[in-house]
Amino acid sequence: MQLGFIGLGRMGANMVRRLANDGHDIVAYNRTVEKAHELADEQKAAGHPITAADSVAELVSKLTKPRAAWVMVPAGDPTEAQIKELLDHLEPGDTIIDGGNTNFHDDVRRHAMLAEHGIHYIDAGTSGGVWGLANGYCLMVGGEPEVVGPLEPIFKSLAPKDGYLHAGPAGAGHYVKMVHNGIEYGLMQAYAEGFEIMHASEYPLDLAAISDLWNHGSVVRSWLLELATLAFKANGEDLANLKGWVADSGEGRWTVQEAIDRDVPAPIITLALQTRLRSRQDDSYGAKVLAALRNEFGGHAVVKEG
């Protein structure tokens, strides 16, 4: 089926490739228009032609009514601006799909705003990262059944078998994706701490071999553990070429806030988020206060700067 696609970053471009490979008619646009043309040339050579557009207006003009346009740009202001620009060109009966990491509160607001113009809105929580082209994308979709249903061929092409779910009404898709990412924070932190303990051990442990071993019959086996094996092999077990600075996309924060709002205890996810924040400090002032207090009450040794 036909789909307009806006945003050809690391995930967006591979999503277009996967859709084109499955025979869908894609009109693609990127703010850096050269990317759209390069992707179109690549897919033409591969026998899966797509159409490049030089503007949002051109993209919309090349779509058959009722139109559907997938927005895959950073959450927040960029997505907001892209939706507003699309609104200038779409007509009642058309649909906007937001596949970014949007806050579900924004989904509910946008759904209501677009409904006033007769435009449908779908939120599609998308997981799979740079591996999605080969493995498929896990899709958590929110919206009315009568809007989501006709577009299911798109979702099923992007997802692996059983990797797509219509989670509920507007916002439900990104809500489930938010909690998914919160859980991911906790899992990653547990793996990180376990491997740090083994790295500090007196035993000459092969961490790459251990991470690979645990994916064969162990109760802690997972795709994240497979990625740990790849990381150790690519960077060495000391990970000396990496800095321990960890960003967050916002969804872990939103998960913690939702837990607070719902009176649900979530200590593991909360602490995992706090640990990411700590990773961005070159030297923690709080740690300095702790060292100073220990020195004052117990005469414990301190390490002086310089």
Protein backbone atom coordinates (compact mmCIF):
# COMPACT_ATOMS: atom_id res chain seq x y z
CA MET A 1 0.00 0.00 0.00
CA GLN A 2 1.04 3.64 -0.26
CA LEU A 3 2.64 5.63 2.55
CA GLY A 4 4.37 8.97 2.93
CA PHE A 5 7.42 8.76 5.17
CA ILE A 6 9.11 11.77 6.81
CA GLY A 7 12.46 11.39 8.55
CA LEU A 8 15.26 9.24 7.15
CA GLY A 9 17.61 8.92 10.10
CA ARG A 10 19.17 5.68 11.32
CA MET A 11 15.80 4.07 11.99
CA GLY A 12 13.66 5.88 9.44
CA ALA A 13 15.76 4.99 6.41
CA ASN A 14 15.83 1.31 7.36
CA MET A 15 12.08 1.32 7.94
CA VAL A 16 11.59 2.66 4.41
CA ARG A 17 13.92 -0.04 3.08
CA ARG A 18 11.94 -2.74 4.87
CA LEU A 19 8.63 -1.40 3.55
CA ALA A 20 9.96 -1.06 0.01
CA ASN A 21 11.39 -4.57 0.16
CA ASP A 22 7.90 -5.80 0.99
CA GLY A 23 6.39 -4.07 -2.04
CA HIS A 24 4.87 -0.95 -0.49
CA ASP A 25 4.70 2.32 -2.47
CA ILE A 26 6.72 4.80 -0.41
CA VAL A 27 7.08 8.56 -0.92
CA ALA A 28 9.99 9.70 1.26
CA TYR A 29 11.05 13.13 2.49
CA ASN A 30 13.88 14.28 4.71
CA ARG A 31 14.81 17.79 5.83
CA THR A 32 18.17 17.17 4.15
CA VAL A 33 16.57 16.35 0.81
CA GLU A 34 19.72 14.70 -0.56
CA LYS A 35 19.10 11.77 1.79
CA ALA A 36 15.72 11.10 0.20
CA HIS A 37 17.19 11.11 -3.30
CA GLU A 38 20.14 8.93 -2.28
CA LEU A 39 17.74 6.41 -0.73
CA ALA A 40 15.53 6.49 -3.82
CA ASP A 41 18.53 5.81 -6.07
CA GLU A 42 19.68 2.97 -3.82
CA GLN A 43 16.26 1.33 -3.75
CA LYS A 44 15.81 1.74 -7.51
CA ALA A 45 19.09 -0.10 -8.06
CA ALA A 46 17.89 -2.82 -5.67
CA GLY A 47 14.66 -3.21 -7.62
CA HIS A 48 12.45 -1.67 -4.91
CA PRO A 49 11.76 1.85 -6.19
CA ILE A 50 10.54 4.59 -3.88
CA THR A 51 9.73 8.22 -4.69
CA ALA A 52 11.77 11.10 -3.23
CA ALA A 53 10.02 14.36 -2.37
CA ASP A 54 11.76 17.72 -1.97
CA SER A 55 9.16 19.13 0.44
CA VAL A 56 6.26 18.10 2.63
CA ALA A 57 3.91 19.72 0.15
CA GLU A 58 5.36 17.61 -2.67
CA LEU A 59 5.13 14.46 -0.56
CA VAL A 60 1.45 15.05 0.13
CA SER A 61 0.75 15.85 -3.52
CA LYS A 62 2.18 12.48 -4.56
CA LEU A 63 -0.09 10.50 -2.22
CA THR A 64 -3.50 9.15 -3.17
CA LYS A 65 -6.46 10.03 -0.93
CA PRO A 66 -7.05 9.05 1.79
CA ARG A 67 -3.41 9.72 2.56
CA ALA A 68 -1.25 8.32 5.34
CA ALA A 69 2.02 9.95 6.44
CA TRP A 70 4.47 8.44 8.94
CA VAL A 71 6.54 10.96 10.95
CA MET A 72 9.86 9.58 12.22
CA VAL A 73 11.73 12.58 13.63
CA PRO A 74 12.97 13.36 17.18
CA ALA A 75 10.22 13.67 19.75
CA GLY A 76 9.17 17.03 21.12
CA ASP A 77 9.46 20.24 19.11
CA PRO A 78 10.65 18.59 15.85
CA THR A 79 7.66 16.23 15.79
CA GLU A 80 5.30 19.03 16.78
CA ALA A 81 6.57 21.23 13.96
CA GLN A 82 6.36 18.40 11.42
CA ILE A 83 2.78 17.59 12.33
CA LYS A 84 1.77 21.24 12.08
CA GLU A 85 3.38 21.47 8.64
CA LEU A 86 1.58 18.33 7.50
CA LEU A 87 -1.69 19.75 8.77
CA ASP A 88 -1.34 22.63 6.31
CA HIS A 89 -1.48 20.17 3.39
CA LEU A 90 -3.61 17.23 4.51
CA GLU A 91 -7.38 16.96 4.21
CA PRO A 92 -10.16 15.35 6.26
CA GLY A 93 -9.87 11.57 6.18
CA ASP A 94 -6.05 11.57 6.01
CA THR A 95 -3.92 9.99 8.75
CA ILE A 96 -0.72 10.99 10.55
CA ILE A 97 1.34 8.25 12.22
CA ASP A 98 3.90 9.31 14.82
CA GLY A 99 6.57 6.61 15.20
CA GLY A 100 8.95 8.57 17.45
CA ASN A 101 9.41 8.46 21.21
CA THR A 102 6.56 10.82 21.98
CA ASN A 103 5.11 11.35 25.44
CA PHE A 104 1.65 9.76 25.52
CA HIS A 105 0.15 12.96 26.96
CA ASP A 106 1.17 14.71 23.73
CA ASP A 107 -0.51 11.94 21.74
CA VAL A 108 -3.82 12.52 23.50
CA ARG A 109 -3.58 16.26 22.90
CA ARG A 110 -2.61 15.89 19.23
CA HIS A 111 -5.32 13.33 18.60
CA ALA A 112 -7.94 15.78 19.84
CA MET A 113 -6.41 18.70 17.94
CA LEU A 114 -6.20 16.83 14.63
CA ALA A 115 -9.72 15.45 15.06
CA GLU A 116 -11.00 19.02 14.92
CA HIS A 117 -9.64 19.14 11.36
CA GLY A 118 -10.94 15.69 10.44
CA ILE A 119 -7.39 14.25 10.45
CA HIS A 120 -6.77 10.84 12.05
CA TYR A 121 -3.83 10.24 14.39
CA ILE A 122 -2.00 7.02 15.25
CA ASP A 123 0.86 6.68 17.75
CA ALA A 124 3.25 3.86 16.96
CA GLY A 125 5.78 2.95 19.62
CA THR A 126 8.69 1.49 17.66
CA SER A 127 11.45 -0.72 19.06
CA GLY A 128 14.24 -2.40 17.12
CA GLY A 129 16.90 0.24 16.61
CA VAL A 130 19.51 -0.21 13.91
CA TRP A 131 18.78 -3.97 13.78
CA GLY A 132 15.19 -3.48 12.65
CA LEU A 133 15.84 -3.77 8.93
CA ALA A 134 16.89 -7.41 9.26
CA ASN A 135 14.96 -8.43 12.38
CA GLY A 136 11.83 -6.29 12.14
CA TYR A 137 10.45 -3.63 14.48
CA CYS A 138 8.30 -4.36 17.51
CA LEU A 139 5.30 -2.05 17.09
CA MET A 140 2.96 -0.89 19.85
CA VAL A 141 0.15 1.05 18.17
CA GLY A 142 -2.51 3.38 19.58
CA GLY A 143 -5.59 4.75 17.82
CA GLU A 144 -9.17 3.98 16.87
CA PRO A 145 -9.67 0.48 15.42
CA GLU A 146 -11.31 1.86 12.28
CA VAL A 147 -8.22 4.03 11.63
CA VAL A 148 -5.56 1.48 12.59
CA GLY A 149 -7.16 -1.47 10.77
CA PRO A 150 -6.75 -0.26 7.15
CA LEU A 151 -3.05 0.49 7.81
CA GLU A 152 -2.20 -2.90 9.32
CA PRO A 153 -0.37 -4.05 6.15
CA ILE A 154 2.21 -1.34 6.91
CA PHE A 155 2.59 -2.37 10.53
CA LYS A 156 2.81 -6.06 9.70
CA SER A 157 5.49 -5.45 7.06
CA LEU A 158 7.61 -3.51 9.55
CA ALA A 159 7.18 -6.02 12.37
CA PRO A 160 8.45 -9.59 12.65
CA LYS A 161 5.88 -12.34 13.11
CA ASP A 162 3.73 -11.55 16.18
CA GLY A 163 5.66 -8.29 16.62
CA TYR A 164 2.74 -5.89 16.15
CA LEU A 165 -0.04 -5.07 18.61
CA HIS A 166 -2.90 -2.59 18.52
CA ALA A 167 -2.50 -1.64 22.19
CA GLY A 168 -5.56 0.61 22.58
CA PRO A 169 -6.85 4.15 21.92
CA ALA A 170 -4.81 7.30 21.31
CA GLY A 171 -1.62 7.34 23.37
CA ALA A 172 -1.72 3.65 24.27
CA GLY A 173 1.03 2.74 21.81
CA HIS A 174 3.52 5.25 23.14
CA TYR A 175 2.44 4.50 26.72
CA VAL A 176 3.38 0.83 26.29
CA LYS A 177 6.64 1.84 24.57
CA MET A 178 7.40 4.20 27.47
CA VAL A 179 7.09 1.40 30.02
CA HIS A 180 9.03 -0.91 27.67
CA ASN A 181 11.94 1.53 27.77
CA GLY A 182 11.68 1.90 31.54
CA ILE A 183 12.03 -1.87 31.88
CA GLU A 184 14.96 -1.72 29.46
CA TYR A 185 16.71 0.75 31.80
CA GLY A 186 16.46 -1.73 34.68
CA LEU A 187 17.62 -4.71 32.64
CA MET A 188 20.60 -2.84 31.23
CA GLN A 189 21.62 -1.58 34.66
CA ALA A 190 21.51 -5.10 36.13
CA TYR A 191 23.70 -6.44 33.32
CA ALA A 192 26.10 -3.50 33.70
CA GLU A 193 26.51 -4.07 37.43
CA GLY A 194 26.99 -7.81 37.05
CA PHE A 195 29.69 -7.43 34.44
CA GLU A 196 31.42 -4.73 36.49
CA ILE A 197 31.60 -7.11 39.46
CA MET A 198 33.15 -9.80 37.25
CA HIS A 199 35.53 -7.27 35.66
CA ALA A 200 36.78 -6.37 39.14
CA SER A 201 37.15 -10.04 40.17
CA GLU A 202 40.44 -11.69 41.00
CA TYR A 203 39.58 -14.37 38.45
CA PRO A 204 40.74 -13.98 34.81
CA LEU A 205 37.20 -14.09 33.46
CA ASP A 206 36.40 -13.90 29.75
CA LEU A 207 33.38 -11.59 29.77
CA ALA A 208 32.63 -12.03 26.08
CA ALA A 209 32.57 -15.80 26.54
CA ILE A 210 30.40 -15.51 29.66
CA SER A 211 27.86 -13.22 28.00
CA ASP A 212 27.68 -15.66 25.11
CA LEU A 213 27.44 -18.65 27.46
CA TRP A 214 24.48 -17.13 29.33
CA ASN A 215 22.48 -17.00 26.11
CA HIS A 216 22.47 -20.79 25.96
CA GLY A 217 19.92 -22.10 28.41
CA SER A 218 20.41 -19.50 31.15
CA VAL A 219 17.41 -17.76 32.76
CA VAL A 220 19.08 -14.37 32.07
CA ARG A 221 19.46 -14.95 28.33
CA SER A 222 18.25 -12.05 26.14
CA TRP A 223 18.94 -10.00 23.05
CA LEU A 224 20.59 -7.37 25.25
CA LEU A 225 23.02 -10.04 26.39
CA GLU A 226 23.74 -10.92 22.76
CA LEU A 227 24.57 -7.24 22.21
CA ALA A 228 26.87 -7.31 25.24
CA THR A 229 28.83 -10.13 23.59
CA LEU A 230 29.17 -8.07 20.42
CA ALA A 231 30.25 -5.01 22.41
CA PHE A 232 32.96 -6.89 24.32
CA LYS A 233 34.29 -8.42 21.11
CA ALA A 234 34.29 -5.09 19.27
CA ASN A 235 35.70 -2.89 22.03
CA GLY A 236 37.69 -5.24 24.24
CA GLU A 237 36.63 -6.28 27.73
CA ASP A 238 38.02 -3.10 29.32
CA LEU A 239 35.86 -0.97 26.96
CA ALA A 240 38.76 1.46 27.10
CA ASN A 241 37.69 3.39 24.01
CA LEU A 242 34.27 4.20 25.48
CA LYS A 243 33.31 6.89 27.99
CA GLY A 244 30.80 5.88 30.65
CA TRP A 245 28.41 8.74 29.78
CA VAL A 246 24.87 7.46 29.31
CA ALA A 247 22.06 9.51 27.76
CA ASP A 248 18.32 8.94 28.10
CA SER A 249 15.58 9.59 25.56
CA GLY A 250 13.11 10.74 28.19
CA GLU A 251 10.96 7.63 28.36
CA GLY A 252 12.64 6.34 31.52
CA ARG A 253 11.83 9.66 33.22
CA TRP A 254 8.23 9.47 32.02
CA THR A 255 7.92 5.91 33.30
CA VAL A 256 9.15 6.98 36.74
CA GLN A 257 6.79 9.95 36.75
CA GLU A 258 3.85 7.73 35.76
CA ALA A 259 4.76 5.32 38.56
CA ILE A 260 4.69 8.23 41.02
CA ASP A 261 1.39 9.52 39.61
CA ARG A 262 -0.17 6.04 39.95
CA ASP A 263 1.34 5.31 43.39
CA VAL A 264 3.20 2.33 41.97
CA PRO A 265 6.60 1.57 43.55
CA ALA A 266 9.26 1.26 40.85
CA PRO A 267 12.61 1.38 42.69
CA ILE A 268 14.65 -0.52 40.10
CA ILE A 269 13.65 1.64 37.12
CA THR A 270 14.01 4.80 39.23
CA LEU A 271 17.50 3.88 40.41
CA ALA A 272 18.54 2.88 36.89
CA LEU A 273 17.50 6.35 35.68
CA GLN A 274 19.39 8.02 38.55
CA THR A 275 22.50 6.00 37.66
CA ARG A 276 22.34 7.33 34.10
CA LEU A 277 22.19 10.87 35.45
CA ARG A 278 25.20 10.15 37.67
CA SER A 279 27.16 8.88 34.65
CA ARG A 280 27.16 12.40 33.19
CA GLN A 281 29.01 13.96 36.09
CA ASP A 282 32.77 14.08 35.75
CA ASP A 283 33.01 14.47 39.50
CA SER A 284 29.96 14.35 41.74
CA TYR A 285 29.62 17.22 44.22
CA GLY A 286 27.50 14.93 46.35
CA ALA A 287 30.35 12.42 46.48
CA LYS A 288 32.69 15.21 47.61
CA VAL A 289 30.30 16.04 50.45
CA LEU A 290 30.23 12.36 51.47
CA ALA A 291 34.03 12.21 51.47
CA ALA A 292 34.25 15.40 53.52
CA LEU A 293 31.74 14.16 56.11
CA ARG A 294 33.53 10.82 56.49
CA ASN A 295 36.78 12.70 57.02
CA GLU A 296 35.22 15.02 59.60
CA PHE A 297 33.49 12.44 61.78
CA GLY A 298 35.91 9.57 61.44
CA GLY A 299 39.16 10.93 60.11
CA HIS A 300 38.77 8.76 57.01
CA ALA A 301 41.22 9.41 54.21
CA VAL A 302 40.29 11.77 51.36
CA VAL A 303 41.79 12.21 47.92
CA LYS A 304 42.71 15.84 47.17
CA GLU A 305 42.38 17.42 43.70
CA GLY A 306 45.65 18.12 41.88
